[in-house]
C-alpha atoms as a PDB file:
ATOM      1  CA  UNK A   1      15.843  -5.249   1.152  1.00  0.00           C
ATOM      2  CA  UNK A   2      16.020  -1.745  -0.302  1.00  0.00           C
ATOM      3  CA  UNK A   3      15.009  -0.785  -3.864  1.00  0.00           C
ATOM      4  CA  UNK A   4      12.649  -3.775  -4.300  1.00  0.00           C
ATOM      5  CA  UNK A   5       9.021  -2.766  -4.787  1.00  0.00           C
ATOM      6  CA  UNK A   6       6.511  -3.663  -2.086  1.00  0.00           C
ATOM      7  CA  UNK A   7       2.756  -3.902  -2.162  1.00  0.00           C
ATOM      8  CA  UNK A   8       1.228  -1.961   0.748  1.00  0.00           C
ATOM      9  CA  UNK A   9      -2.326  -1.982   2.090  1.00  0.00           C
ATOM     10  CA  UNK A  10      -3.621   0.444   4.752  1.00  0.00           C
ATOM     11  CA  UNK A  11      -7.154  -0.218   5.999  1.00  0.00           C
ATOM     12  CA  UNK A  12      -9.408   1.438   8.561  1.00  0.00           C
ATOM     13  CA  UNK A  13     -10.845  -0.293  11.599  1.00  0.00           C
ATOM     14  CA  UNK A  14     -14.360  -1.716  11.253  1.00  0.00           C
ATOM     15  CA  UNK A  15     -14.426  -0.583   7.610  1.00  0.00           C
ATOM     16  CA  UNK A  16     -15.122   3.029   8.592  1.00  0.00           C
ATOM     17  CA  UNK A  17     -14.607   5.710   5.961  1.00  0.00           C
ATOM     18  CA  UNK A  18     -11.276   7.503   5.895  1.00  0.00           C
ATOM     19  CA  UNK A  19     -12.139   9.882   3.029  1.00  0.00           C
ATOM     20  CA  UNK A  20     -15.237  12.089   2.919  1.00  0.00           C
ATOM     21  CA  UNK A  21     -14.282  14.561   0.189  1.00  0.00           C
ATOM     22  CA  UNK A  22     -11.800  15.291  -2.575  1.00  0.00           C
ATOM     23  CA  UNK A  23     -10.030  17.613  -0.135  1.00  0.00           C
ATOM     24  CA  UNK A  24      -9.423  14.625   2.174  1.00  0.00           C
ATOM     25  CA  UNK A  25      -8.005  12.590  -0.711  1.00  0.00           C
ATOM     26  CA  UNK A  26      -5.785  15.498  -1.746  1.00  0.00           C
ATOM     27  CA  UNK A  27      -4.502  15.904   1.821  1.00  0.00           C
ATOM     28  CA  UNK A  28      -3.671  12.187   1.960  1.00  0.00           C
ATOM     29  CA  UNK A  29      -1.904  12.335  -1.428  1.00  0.00           C
ATOM     30  CA  UNK A  30       0.007  15.449  -0.381  1.00  0.00           C
ATOM     31  CA  UNK A  31       1.390  13.901   2.822  1.00  0.00           C
ATOM     32  CA  UNK A  32       2.077  10.598   1.060  1.00  0.00           C
ATOM     33  CA  UNK A  33       4.253  12.475  -1.423  1.00  0.00           C
ATOM     34  CA  UNK A  34       5.934  14.479   1.351  1.00  0.00           C
ATOM     35  CA  UNK A  35       6.713  11.297   3.290  1.00  0.00           C
ATOM     36  CA  UNK A  36       7.998   9.565   0.166  1.00  0.00           C
ATOM     37  CA  UNK A  37      10.324  12.473  -0.643  1.00  0.00           C
ATOM     38  CA  UNK A  38      11.524  12.755   2.953  1.00  0.00           C
ATOM     39  CA  UNK A  39      12.356   9.080   3.473  1.00  0.00           C
ATOM     40  CA  UNK A  40      13.348   7.960  -0.020  1.00  0.00           C
ATOM     41  CA  UNK A  41      10.337   6.080  -1.363  1.00  0.00           C
ATOM     42  CA  UNK A  42       9.238   5.846  -5.008  1.00  0.00           C
ATOM     43  CA  UNK A  43       5.463   5.767  -5.566  1.00  0.00           C
ATOM     44  CA  UNK A  44       4.725   3.456  -8.509  1.00  0.00           C
ATOM     45  CA  UNK A  45       0.984   2.739  -8.231  1.00  0.00           C
ATOM     46  CA  UNK A  46      -1.958   3.530  -5.960  1.00  0.00           C
ATOM     47  CA  UNK A  47      -5.690   3.482  -5.441  1.00  0.00           C
ATOM     48  CA  UNK A  48      -7.463   5.385  -2.655  1.00  0.00           C
ATOM     49  CA  UNK A  49     -10.769   3.746  -1.715  1.00  0.00           C
ATOM     50  CA  UNK A  50     -13.436   4.541   0.859  1.00  0.00           C
ATOM     51  CA  UNK A  51     -11.952   2.593   3.760  1.00  0.00           C
ATOM     52  CA  UNK A  52      -8.533   1.455   2.546  1.00  0.00           C
ATOM     53  CA  UNK A  53      -5.691   2.282   0.178  1.00  0.00           C
ATOM     54  CA  UNK A  54      -3.380   0.118  -1.920  1.00  0.00           C
ATOM     55  CA  UNK A  55       0.116   1.264  -2.873  1.00  0.00           C
ATOM     56  CA  UNK A  56       3.077  -0.049  -4.833  1.00  0.00           C
ATOM     57  CA  UNK A  57       6.199   1.512  -3.306  1.00  0.00           C
ATOM     58  CA  UNK A  58       9.953   1.082  -3.725  1.00  0.00           C
ATOM     59  CA  UNK A  59      12.206   2.152  -0.812  1.00  0.00           C
ATOM     60  CA  UNK A  60      15.815   3.303  -0.807  1.00  0.00           C
ATOM     61  CA  UNK A  61      16.448   1.837   2.654  1.00  0.00           C
ATOM     62  CA  UNK A  62      14.894  -1.100   4.463  1.00  0.00           C
ATOM     63  CA  UNK A  63      12.967   1.171   6.856  1.00  0.00           C
ATOM     64  CA  UNK A  64      11.957   3.827   4.307  1.00  0.00           C
ATOM     65  CA  UNK A  65       8.395   2.574   3.752  1.00  0.00           C
ATOM     66  CA  UNK A  66       7.756   2.179   7.475  1.00  0.00           C
ATOM     67  CA  UNK A  67       8.918   5.749   8.184  1.00  0.00           C
ATOM     68  CA  UNK A  68       6.926   7.117   5.246  1.00  0.00           C
ATOM     69  CA  UNK A  69       3.707   5.407   6.392  1.00  0.00           C
ATOM     70  CA  UNK A  70       4.223   6.565   9.986  1.00  0.00           C
ATOM     71  CA  UNK A  71       4.711  10.138   8.792  1.00  0.00           C
ATOM     72  CA  UNK A  72       1.605   9.945   6.603  1.00  0.00           C
ATOM     73  CA  UNK A  73      -0.472   8.360   9.362  1.00  0.00           C
ATOM     74  CA  UNK A  74       0.448  10.937  12.014  1.00  0.00           C
ATOM     75  CA  UNK A  75      -0.416  13.885   9.810  1.00  0.00           C
ATOM     76  CA  UNK A  76      -3.503  12.533   8.086  1.00  0.00           C
ATOM     77  CA  UNK A  77      -5.198  11.050  11.160  1.00  0.00           C
ATOM     78  CA  UNK A  78      -4.641  14.267  13.080  1.00  0.00           C
ATOM     79  CA  UNK A  79      -6.090  16.281  10.175  1.00  0.00           C
ATOM     80  CA  UNK A  80      -9.081  13.915   9.822  1.00  0.00           C
ATOM     81  CA  UNK A  81      -9.856  14.045  13.543  1.00  0.00           C
ATOM     82  CA  UNK A  82      -9.802  17.846  13.571  1.00  0.00           C
ATOM     83  CA  UNK A  83     -11.719  18.190  10.330  1.00  0.00           C
ATOM     84  CA  UNK A  84     -14.599  15.941  11.448  1.00  0.00           C
ATOM     85  CA  UNK A  85     -14.368  16.434  15.221  1.00  0.00           C
ATOM     86  CA  UNK A  86     -13.823  12.771  15.900  1.00  0.00           C
ATOM     87  CA  UNK A  87     -11.703  10.720  18.301  1.00  0.00           C
ATOM     88  CA  UNK A  88     -10.494   7.156  18.389  1.00  0.00           C
ATOM     89  CA  UNK A  89      -8.559   4.915  16.057  1.00  0.00           C
ATOM     90  CA  UNK A  90      -8.906   5.484  12.325  1.00  0.00           C
ATOM     91  CA  UNK A  91      -6.593   2.912  10.758  1.00  0.00           C
ATOM     92  CA  UNK A  92      -6.472  -0.710  11.824  1.00  0.00           C
ATOM     93  CA  UNK A  93      -3.137  -1.614  13.402  1.00  0.00           C
ATOM     94  CA  UNK A  94      -0.006  -1.540  11.282  1.00  0.00           C
ATOM     95  CA  UNK A  95      -0.115  -1.410   7.501  1.00  0.00           C
ATOM     96  CA  UNK A  96       0.238  -4.694   5.599  1.00  0.00           C
ATOM     97  CA  UNK A  97       3.020  -5.141   3.070  1.00  0.00           C
ATOM     98  CA  UNK A  98       4.869  -7.713   0.997  1.00  0.00           C
ATOM     99  CA  UNK A  99       7.929  -7.568  -1.262  1.00  0.00           C
ATOM    100  CA  UNK A 100       7.084  -7.982  -4.957  1.00  0.00           C
ATOM    101  CA  UNK A 101       9.182  -9.881  -7.469  1.00  0.00           C
ATOM    102  CA  UNK A 102      10.241  -7.877 -10.521  1.00  0.00           C
ATOM    103  CA  UNK A 103       8.928  -8.728 -13.982  1.00  0.00           C
ATOM    104  CA  UNK A 104       5.376  -9.929 -14.537  1.00  0.00           C
ATOM    105  CA  UNK A 105       4.698 -10.104 -10.785  1.00  0.00           C
ATOM    106  CA  UNK A 106       5.297  -6.341 -10.456  1.00  0.00           C
ATOM    107  CA  UNK A 107       2.919  -5.633 -13.354  1.00  0.00           C
ATOM    108  CA  UNK A 108       0.353  -8.023 -11.862  1.00  0.00           C
ATOM    109  CA  UNK A 109       0.530  -6.158  -8.553  1.00  0.00           C
ATOM    110  CA  UNK A 110      -0.013  -2.865 -10.380  1.00  0.00           C
ATOM    111  CA  UNK A 111      -3.051  -4.314 -12.176  1.00  0.00           C
ATOM    112  CA  UNK A 112      -4.371  -5.747  -8.907  1.00  0.00           C
ATOM    113  CA  UNK A 113      -4.192  -2.289  -7.342  1.00  0.00           C
ATOM    114  CA  UNK A 114      -5.743  -0.381 -10.237  1.00  0.00           C
ATOM    115  CA  UNK A 115      -8.568  -2.896 -10.810  1.00  0.00           C
ATOM    116  CA  UNK A 116      -9.754  -2.889  -7.186  1.00  0.00           C
ATOM    117  CA  UNK A 117     -12.814  -0.764  -7.881  1.00  0.00           C
ATOM    118  CA  UNK A 118     -13.880  -2.747 -10.932  1.00  0.00           C
ATOM    119  CA  UNK A 119     -13.567  -6.027  -9.024  1.00  0.00           C
ATOM    120  CA  UNK A 120     -15.744  -4.509  -6.301  1.00  0.00           C
ATOM    121  CA  UNK A 121     -18.362  -3.592  -8.927  1.00  0.00           C
ATOM    122  CA  UNK A 122     -18.139   0.109  -8.078  1.00  0.00           C
ATOM    123  CA  UNK A 123     -17.123   1.213 -11.604  1.00  0.00           C
ATOM    124  CA  UNK A 124     -16.995  -0.382 -15.050  1.00  0.00           C
ATOM    125  CA  UNK A 125     -13.923   1.392 -16.396  1.00  0.00           C
ATOM    126  CA  UNK A 126     -10.891   2.099 -14.158  1.00  0.00           C
ATOM    127  CA  UNK A 127     -10.332   5.309 -16.127  1.00  0.00           C
ATOM    128  CA  UNK A 128     -13.515   6.705 -14.540  1.00  0.00           C
ATOM    129  CA  UNK A 129     -11.838   6.952 -11.130  1.00  0.00           C
ATOM    130  CA  UNK A 130      -9.363   9.803 -10.676  1.00  0.00           C
ATOM    131  CA  UNK A 131      -7.773   8.711  -7.376  1.00  0.00           C
ATOM    132  CA  UNK A 132      -5.908   5.822  -8.961  1.00  0.00           C
ATOM    133  CA  UNK A 133      -2.666   5.496 -10.920  1.00  0.00           C
ATOM    134  CA  UNK A 134      -4.518   3.858 -13.841  1.00  0.00           C
ATOM    135  CA  UNK A 135      -4.975   7.157 -15.680  1.00  0.00           C
ATOM    136  CA  UNK A 136      -1.251   7.801 -15.341  1.00  0.00           C
ATOM    137  CA  UNK A 137      -0.191   4.419 -16.714  1.00  0.00           C
ATOM    138  CA  UNK A 138      -2.916   3.891 -19.306  1.00  0.00           C
ATOM    139  CA  UNK A 139      -3.742   7.449 -20.429  1.00  0.00           C
ATOM    140  CA  UNK A 140      -0.400   9.164 -19.950  1.00  0.00           C
ATOM    141  CA  UNK A 141      -1.718  11.703 -17.417  1.00  0.00           C
ATOM    142  CA  UNK A 142       1.020  13.496 -15.495  1.00  0.00           C
ATOM    143  CA  UNK A 143       0.852  13.208 -11.698  1.00  0.00           C
ATOM    144  CA  UNK A 144       3.447  14.892  -9.516  1.00  0.00           C
ATOM    145  CA  UNK A 145       3.968  12.079  -7.008  1.00  0.00           C
ATOM    146  CA  UNK A 146       4.281   9.270  -9.581  1.00  0.00           C
ATOM    147  CA  UNK A 147       7.570   7.590 -10.456  1.00  0.00           C
ATOM    148  CA  UNK A 148       7.297   4.834 -13.101  1.00  0.00           C
ATOM    149  CA  UNK A 149       8.745   1.455 -12.227  1.00  0.00           C
ATOM    150  CA  UNK A 150      11.272  -0.231 -14.512  1.00  0.00           C
ATOM    151  CA  UNK A 151       8.720  -2.719 -15.858  1.00  0.00           C
ATOM    152  CA  UNK A 152       6.609   0.171 -17.176  1.00  0.00           C
ATOM    153  CA  UNK A 153       9.568   1.755 -18.993  1.00  0.00           C
ATOM    154  CA  UNK A 154      10.126  -1.128 -21.391  1.00  0.00           C
ATOM    155  CA  UNK A 155      13.151  -0.731 -23.691  1.00  0.00           C
ATOM    156  CA  UNK A 156      12.087   0.089 -27.240  1.00  0.00           C
ATOM    157  CA  UNK A 157       8.817   1.728 -26.242  1.00  0.00           C
ATOM    158  CA  UNK A 158       8.266   5.422 -26.704  1.00  0.00           C
ATOM    159  CA  UNK A 159       6.597   7.789 -24.278  1.00  0.00           C
ATOM    160  CA  UNK A 160       3.497   7.748 -26.478  1.00  0.00           C
ATOM    161  CA  UNK A 161       3.355   3.962 -26.894  1.00  0.00           C
ATOM    162  CA  UNK A 162       3.714   3.046 -23.220  1.00  0.00           C
ATOM    163  CA  UNK A 163       0.135   3.995 -22.245  1.00  0.00           C
ATOM    164  CA  UNK A 164      -1.189   2.017 -25.198  1.00  0.00           C
ATOM    165  CA  UNK A 165       0.838  -1.044 -24.174  1.00  0.00           C
ATOM    166  CA  UNK A 166      -0.348  -0.637 -20.596  1.00  0.00           C
ATOM    167  CA  UNK A 167      -4.019  -0.484 -21.673  1.00  0.00           C
ATOM    168  CA  UNK A 168      -3.503  -3.776 -23.499  1.00  0.00           C
ATOM    169  CA  UNK A 169      -2.644  -5.413 -20.160  1.00  0.00           C
ATOM    170  CA  UNK A 170      -6.135  -4.531 -18.915  1.00  0.00           C
ATOM    171  CA  UNK A 171      -7.955  -6.156 -21.820  1.00  0.00           C
ATOM    172  CA  UNK A 172      -8.406  -9.258 -19.649  1.00  0.00           C
ATOM    173  CA  UNK A 173      -9.023  -9.836 -15.953  1.00  0.00           C
ATOM    174  CA  UNK A 174      -6.281 -10.960 -13.615  1.00  0.00           C
ATOM    175  CA  UNK A 175      -6.183 -14.712 -13.112  1.00  0.00           C
ATOM    176  CA  UNK A 176      -7.968 -15.789  -9.933  1.00  0.00           C
ATOM    177  CA  UNK A 177      -4.829 -17.587  -8.744  1.00  0.00           C
ATOM    178  CA  UNK A 178      -2.791 -14.379  -9.073  1.00  0.00           C
ATOM    179  CA  UNK A 179      -5.369 -12.412  -7.076  1.00  0.00           C
ATOM    180  CA  UNK A 180      -5.380 -15.095  -4.375  1.00  0.00           C
ATOM    181  CA  UNK A 181      -1.569 -15.115  -4.275  1.00  0.00           C
ATOM    182  CA  UNK A 182      -1.376 -11.330  -3.807  1.00  0.00           C
ATOM    183  CA  UNK A 183      -4.068 -11.304  -1.122  1.00  0.00           C
ATOM    184  CA  UNK A 184      -2.365 -14.115   0.775  1.00  0.00           C
ATOM    185  CA  UNK A 185       0.952 -12.258   0.549  1.00  0.00           C
ATOM    186  CA  UNK A 186      -0.561  -9.058   1.978  1.00  0.00           C
ATOM    187  CA  UNK A 187      -2.317 -10.909   4.807  1.00  0.00           C
ATOM    188  CA  UNK A 188       0.693 -13.028   5.782  1.00  0.00           C
ATOM    189  CA  UNK A 189       3.644 -10.864   4.729  1.00  0.00           C
ATOM    190  CA  UNK A 190       5.001 -13.744   2.630  1.00  0.00           C
ATOM    191  CA  UNK A 191       6.331 -12.566  -0.714  1.00  0.00           C
ATOM    192  CA  UNK A 192       4.425 -13.433  -3.920  1.00  0.00           C
ATOM    193  CA  UNK A 193       6.553 -14.967  -6.662  1.00  0.00           C
ATOM    194  CA  UNK A 194       8.279 -18.189  -7.597  1.00  0.00           C
ATOM    195  CA  UNK A 195      10.220 -20.470  -5.241  1.00  0.00           C
ATOM    196  CA  UNK A 196      13.578 -19.125  -6.423  1.00  0.00           C
ATOM    197  CA  UNK A 197      12.584 -15.583  -5.467  1.00  0.00           C
ATOM    198  CA  UNK A 198      11.215 -16.720  -2.099  1.00  0.00           C
ATOM    199  CA  UNK A 199      14.478 -18.529  -1.313  1.00  0.00           C
ATOM    200  CA  UNK A 200      16.416 -15.390  -2.259  1.00  0.00           C
ATOM    201  CA  UNK A 201      14.346 -13.248   0.116  1.00  0.00           C
ATOM    202  CA  UNK A 202      14.705 -15.853   2.878  1.00  0.00           C
ATOM    203  CA  UNK A 203      18.486 -15.749   2.422  1.00  0.00           C
ATOM    204  CA  UNK A 204      18.583 -11.923   2.484  1.00  0.00           C
ATOM    205  CA  UNK A 205      16.249 -11.392   5.431  1.00  0.00           C
ATOM    206  CA  UNK A 206      16.574 -14.606   7.416  1.00  0.00           C
ATOM    207  CA  UNK A 207      12.770 -14.761   7.536  1.00  0.00           C
ATOM    208  CA  UNK A 208      10.618 -17.663   6.358  1.00  0.00           C
ATOM    209  CA  UNK A 209       8.765 -16.865   3.120  1.00  0.00           C
ATOM    210  CA  UNK A 210       6.789 -20.077   2.630  1.00  0.00           C
ATOM    211  CA  UNK A 211       3.723 -21.147   4.619  1.00  0.00           C
ATOM    212  CA  UNK A 212       4.208 -23.822   7.279  1.00  0.00           C
ATOM    213  CA  UNK A 213       2.435 -27.142   6.979  1.00  0.00           C
ATOM    214  CA  UNK A 214      -0.548 -27.564   9.268  1.00  0.00           C
ATOM    215  CA  UNK A 215      -0.109 -29.880  12.218  1.00  0.00           C
ATOM    216  CA  UNK A 216       0.951 -30.034  15.866  1.00  0.00           C
ATOM    217  CA  UNK A 217       3.825 -27.796  16.915  1.00  0.00           C
ATOM    218  CA  UNK A 218       6.916 -29.745  17.938  1.00  0.00           C
ATOM    219  CA  UNK A 219       7.661 -29.506  21.653  1.00  0.00           C
ATOM    220  CA  UNK A 220       4.374 -27.763  22.448  1.00  0.00           C
ATOM    221  CA  UNK A 221       2.977 -28.477  25.906  1.00  0.00           C
ATOM    222  CA  UNK A 222      -0.427 -27.453  27.120  1.00  0.00           C
ATOM    223  CA  UNK A 223      -0.411 -24.751  29.814  1.00  0.00           C
ATOM    224  CA  UNK A 224      -3.992 -25.328  30.818  1.00  0.00           C
ATOM    225  CA  UNK A 225      -4.532 -25.438  34.596  1.00  0.00           C
ATOM    226  CA  UNK A 226      -0.863 -24.799  35.331  1.00  0.00           C
ATOM    227  CA  UNK A 227      -1.218 -21.688  37.467  1.00  0.00           C
ATOM    228  CA  UNK A 228      -2.235 -18.063  37.522  1.00  0.00           C
ATOM    229  CA  UNK A 229      -0.951 -15.554  34.982  1.00  0.00           C
ATOM    230  CA  UNK A 230       0.226 -12.100  36.049  1.00  0.00           C
ATOM    231  CA  UNK A 231      -0.107  -9.240  33.581  1.00  0.00           C
ATOM    232  CA  UNK A 232       2.573  -6.554  33.562  1.00  0.00           C
ATOM    233  CA  UNK A 233       1.148  -3.061  32.952  1.00  0.00           C
ATOM    234  CA  UNK A 234       2.227  -1.512  29.657  1.00  0.00           C
ATOM    235  CA  UNK A 235       3.526   2.047  29.858  1.00  0.00           C
ATOM    236  CA  UNK A 236       3.129   3.823  26.527  1.00  0.00           C
ATOM    237  CA  UNK A 237       5.728   6.273  25.291  1.00  0.00           C
ATOM    238  CA  UNK A 238       4.695   9.912  24.803  1.00  0.00           C
ATOM    239  CA  UNK A 239       2.855  10.372  21.508  1.00  0.00           C
ATOM    240  CA  UNK A 240       4.195  12.913  19.051  1.00  0.00           C
ATOM    241  CA  UNK A 241       1.343  15.264  18.114  1.00  0.00           C
ATOM    242  CA  UNK A 242       2.261  17.589  15.247  1.00  0.00           C
ATOM    243  CA  UNK A 243       0.561  20.936  14.834  1.00  0.00           C
ATOM    244  CA  UNK A 244      -1.645  20.629  11.746  1.00  0.00           C
ATOM    245  CA  UNK A 245      -3.857  23.348  10.254  1.00  0.00           C
ATOM    246  CA  UNK A 246      -7.569  22.646  10.306  1.00  0.00           C
ATOM    247  CA  UNK A 247      -8.054  23.739   6.711  1.00  0.00           C
ATOM    248  CA  UNK A 248      -6.385  22.262   3.639  1.00  0.00           C
ATOM    249  CA  UNK A 249      -5.829  25.617   1.984  1.00  0.00           C
ATOM    250  CA  UNK A 250      -2.073  25.145   2.429  1.00  0.00           C
ATOM    251  CA  UNK A 251      -2.188  22.114   0.131  1.00  0.00           C
ATOM    252  CA  UNK A 252      -1.572  22.848  -3.573  1.00  0.00           C
ATOM    253  CA  UNK A 253      -4.576  22.704  -5.863  1.00  0.00           C
ATOM    254  CA  UNK A 254      -5.905  19.178  -5.313  1.00  0.00           C
ATOM    255  CA  UNK A 255      -6.679  18.797  -9.001  1.00  0.00           C
ATOM    256  CA  UNK A 256      -2.930  18.554  -9.578  1.00  0.00           C
ATOM    257  CA  UNK A 257      -3.142  15.095  -8.026  1.00  0.00           C
ATOM    258  CA  UNK A 258      -5.761  13.740 -10.465  1.00  0.00           C
END
């Protein structure tokens, strides 16, 4: 399952804020880029919001995204806890992800990511928000961590005409059915796309990629009143705690990430 792009969502628990300043956003972007370089992940699109982030990533290996997100999480959460003298969980469980079909589905996922703030009514123009890949795709701004996906580099287009073509995609809102399909895919892990693509992913991974029909589960027997359950204590493995500077002065000028 390497090289195929995946939509990734990382949210905080109880909708608490995970960014309080531009320095926080720059730290997150810095370690995202470091993790991507270390584990072989291409960063195609992103938006960093108050309590969650959306990413469009393409891995070299099947476990590249998982390793990249673990690396990012360890470093950023530790930094955030030190910076704001807090304890406890910051992000909610494991990140959510789904494989994205190439072609129009990949472009739709990019638009879904970059239009998050406008759908939420927080801004009117996605170009007004700097912590998004929209300005890179639509305005041609250079960002160090960005790697364009193949659907953006359309044959026959020039470097100057690509942003203009990308802006044309945003002249209309995403169809409600497309938005619903992407959200369902992120929440369930089932891939968005047509039936042919879903069958292909099922064949490659051996995992079901279509929702089950509602109804009773075959062979299910009620366990009510059948005895007492015994819980086995869980012994956690030692947690790796990297040494992270309190300040972000070691991070390159954060404006390079805009």
